[in-house]
Amino acid sequence: MYKKEKGVTLVILVITVMVLLIIVGVVVQTGVSGIRNAETESLKTNLLLIQAKGKEYVENANFHFGTGELTEEQKTEIKGQYLKGTLIKEGLPIELKENEEAYQLNSENMKEMGLNDLIETAGDYIMIYNIQGESVDVMYKPGISKNNQKLYTLSSIEEAGI
């Protein structure tokens, strides 16, 4: 009569391959998510380093502003001496608040700040100084996407809980 064959049937083989594909898909998604999170944390760390240096510069400039009345020329000279970067007035993806000024950083600025690891991407960073409020925010020009929203500044990244 019929002899029962031993071995792997086509159905078992297809089920095994499907289970393996599901496992691989989950592992790949977890890996990609982990890489994306690591890149975001690295960017945030860079922004925090730049901000810390920027706060030092704002404090120095504010100290030299003093309590006396200065002319606009004197203020500009002090800013030029203490604030790093090149003043930019247009082309920002965000609106500046009152008393804020944006300065584009370059590789030379990064060297002065001791951030040699960021020299290659120096043009991507903009310092947003507010001397009167003694605050500094840092903008990353390419921005990062989170929940279909583009975030550019360190403060907006922190507000979003990233």
Protein backbone atom coordinates (compact mmCIF):
# COMPACT_ATOMS: atom_id res chain seq x y z
CA MET A 1 0.00 0.00 0.00
CA TYR A 2 1.11 3.56 0.70
CA LYS A 3 4.32 4.05 2.52
CA LYS A 4 4.41 7.11 4.84
CA GLU A 5 7.21 9.42 3.71
CA LYS A 6 9.42 11.03 6.33
CA GLY A 7 10.89 14.53 6.02
CA VAL A 8 9.93 18.17 5.91
CA THR A 9 6.77 19.04 4.11
CA LEU A 10 6.36 22.18 2.06
CA VAL A 11 3.83 23.60 4.56
CA ILE A 12 6.24 23.26 7.49
CA LEU A 13 9.02 24.85 5.43
CA VAL A 14 6.83 27.86 4.48
CA ILE A 15 5.73 28.34 8.11
CA THR A 16 9.34 28.21 9.30
CA VAL A 17 10.45 30.77 6.71
CA MET A 18 7.54 33.09 7.63
CA VAL A 19 8.38 32.93 11.34
CA LEU A 20 12.04 33.68 10.58
CA LEU A 21 11.05 36.67 8.40
CA ILE A 22 8.89 38.08 11.20
CA ILE A 23 11.75 37.71 13.70
CA VAL A 24 14.21 39.38 11.30
CA GLY A 25 11.78 42.24 10.68
CA VAL A 26 11.40 42.91 14.40
CA VAL A 27 15.18 42.78 14.97
CA VAL A 28 15.90 45.14 12.05
CA GLN A 29 13.25 47.62 13.22
CA THR A 30 14.69 47.57 16.75
CA GLY A 31 18.20 48.11 15.40
CA VAL A 32 17.17 51.03 13.18
CA SER A 33 15.26 52.60 16.06
CA GLY A 34 18.29 52.20 18.33
CA ILE A 35 20.59 53.82 15.79
CA ARG A 36 18.18 56.73 15.31
CA ASN A 37 17.95 57.25 19.08
CA ALA A 38 21.74 57.16 19.43
CA GLU A 39 22.14 59.76 16.66
CA THR A 40 19.55 62.01 18.32
CA GLU A 41 21.28 61.72 21.71
CA SER A 42 24.64 62.50 20.10
CA LEU A 43 23.17 65.60 18.45
CA LYS A 44 21.58 66.72 21.71
CA THR A 45 24.92 66.30 23.50
CA ASN A 46 26.64 68.41 20.84
CA LEU A 47 23.98 71.12 21.20
CA LEU A 48 24.41 71.12 24.98
CA LEU A 49 28.20 71.49 24.63
CA ILE A 50 27.79 74.41 22.25
CA GLN A 51 25.18 76.00 24.52
CA ALA A 52 27.47 75.75 27.56
CA LYS A 53 30.23 77.58 25.67
CA GLY A 54 27.71 80.14 24.41
CA LYS A 55 26.54 80.92 27.95
CA GLU A 56 30.12 81.69 28.90
CA TYR A 57 30.37 84.16 26.00
CA VAL A 58 27.06 85.83 26.87
CA GLU A 59 28.13 86.28 30.48
CA ASN A 60 31.41 87.90 29.37
CA ALA A 61 29.64 90.21 26.94
CA ASN A 62 26.98 91.11 29.50
CA PHE A 63 29.66 91.87 32.07
CA HIS A 64 31.33 94.27 29.65
CA PHE A 65 27.98 95.88 28.82
CA GLY A 66 27.90 96.86 32.50
CA THR A 67 25.26 99.13 33.90
CA GLY A 68 26.30 102.28 32.03
CA GLU A 69 24.77 103.56 28.83
CA LEU A 70 26.58 102.34 25.73
CA THR A 71 26.26 103.51 22.18
CA GLU A 72 25.19 101.03 19.52
CA GLU A 73 28.74 101.14 18.20
CA GLN A 74 30.15 100.16 21.60
CA LYS A 75 27.59 97.35 21.95
CA THR A 76 28.48 96.06 18.48
CA GLU A 77 32.17 96.12 19.36
CA ILE A 78 31.60 94.16 22.58
CA LYS A 79 29.41 91.62 20.77
CA GLY A 80 32.05 91.22 18.06
CA GLN A 81 34.69 90.62 20.69
CA TYR A 82 32.80 88.10 22.84
CA LEU A 83 30.09 86.44 20.77
CA LYS A 84 31.27 83.72 18.42
CA GLY A 85 30.03 83.34 14.87
CA THR A 86 28.83 85.57 12.07
CA LEU A 87 25.67 87.60 12.64
CA ILE A 88 22.82 86.49 10.36
CA LYS A 89 19.53 88.29 10.08
CA GLU A 90 17.60 86.30 7.46
CA GLY A 91 17.02 82.78 6.25
CA LEU A 92 16.34 81.13 9.59
CA PRO A 93 13.66 78.44 9.80
CA ILE A 94 12.50 79.91 13.13
CA GLU A 95 11.42 83.32 14.37
CA LEU A 96 13.77 85.02 16.80
CA LYS A 97 12.32 86.46 19.99
CA GLU A 98 12.89 89.98 21.21
CA ASN A 99 16.56 90.82 21.95
CA GLU A 100 17.79 87.60 20.30
CA GLU A 101 20.50 87.55 17.66
CA ALA A 102 21.60 84.57 15.58
CA TYR A 103 25.26 83.87 14.80
CA GLN A 104 26.35 81.24 12.27
CA LEU A 105 29.24 79.14 13.60
CA ASN A 106 32.15 78.04 11.42
CA SER A 107 35.03 75.63 11.88
CA GLU A 108 37.26 78.32 13.36
CA ASN A 109 34.61 79.05 16.01
CA MET A 110 34.45 75.36 16.86
CA LYS A 111 38.24 75.26 17.31
CA GLU A 112 38.09 78.29 19.62
CA MET A 113 35.38 76.58 21.66
CA GLY A 114 37.43 73.39 21.91
CA LEU A 115 34.86 71.40 19.93
CA ASN A 116 37.22 69.94 17.34
CA ASP A 117 34.99 66.91 16.77
CA LEU A 118 32.29 69.19 15.32
CA ILE A 119 34.48 71.06 12.82
CA GLU A 120 33.13 69.14 9.81
CA THR A 121 29.52 70.06 10.64
CA ALA A 122 30.22 73.54 12.04
CA GLY A 123 28.05 75.27 9.42
CA ASP A 124 25.01 73.37 10.68
CA TYR A 125 25.00 75.16 14.05
CA ILE A 126 23.69 78.63 14.87
CA MET A 127 23.99 80.29 18.28
CA ILE A 128 20.99 82.32 19.36
CA TYR A 129 22.22 84.83 21.91
CA ASN A 130 20.13 87.03 24.19
CA ILE A 131 22.61 89.17 26.08
CA GLN A 132 20.01 91.05 28.12
CA GLY A 133 18.27 87.86 29.18
CA GLU A 134 21.61 86.09 29.51
CA SER A 135 20.29 83.12 27.60
CA VAL A 136 21.61 81.02 24.76
CA ASP A 137 19.87 78.56 22.51
CA VAL A 138 21.50 76.53 19.78
CA MET A 139 19.90 75.80 16.43
CA TYR A 140 20.71 72.81 14.26
CA LYS A 141 19.91 73.96 10.71
CA PRO A 142 18.95 70.57 9.22
CA GLY A 143 16.63 69.99 12.18
CA ILE A 144 15.35 66.65 13.40
CA SER A 145 11.95 65.15 12.70
CA LYS A 146 9.73 63.92 15.49
CA ASN A 147 6.05 63.05 15.13
CA ASN A 148 5.76 64.76 11.72
CA GLN A 149 7.24 67.93 13.22
CA LYS A 150 10.61 69.51 12.43
CA LEU A 151 12.58 70.66 15.50
CA TYR A 152 15.53 73.02 15.09
CA THR A 153 16.58 74.36 18.48
CA LEU A 154 17.84 72.68 21.61
CA SER A 155 14.99 74.22 23.60
CA SER A 156 12.36 72.80 21.21
CA ILE A 157 14.02 69.37 21.30
CA GLU A 158 13.96 69.42 25.11
CA GLU A 159 10.33 70.64 25.16
CA ALA A 160 9.38 67.72 22.91
CA GLY A 161 10.92 65.35 25.46
CA ILE A 162 13.56 63.98 23.15
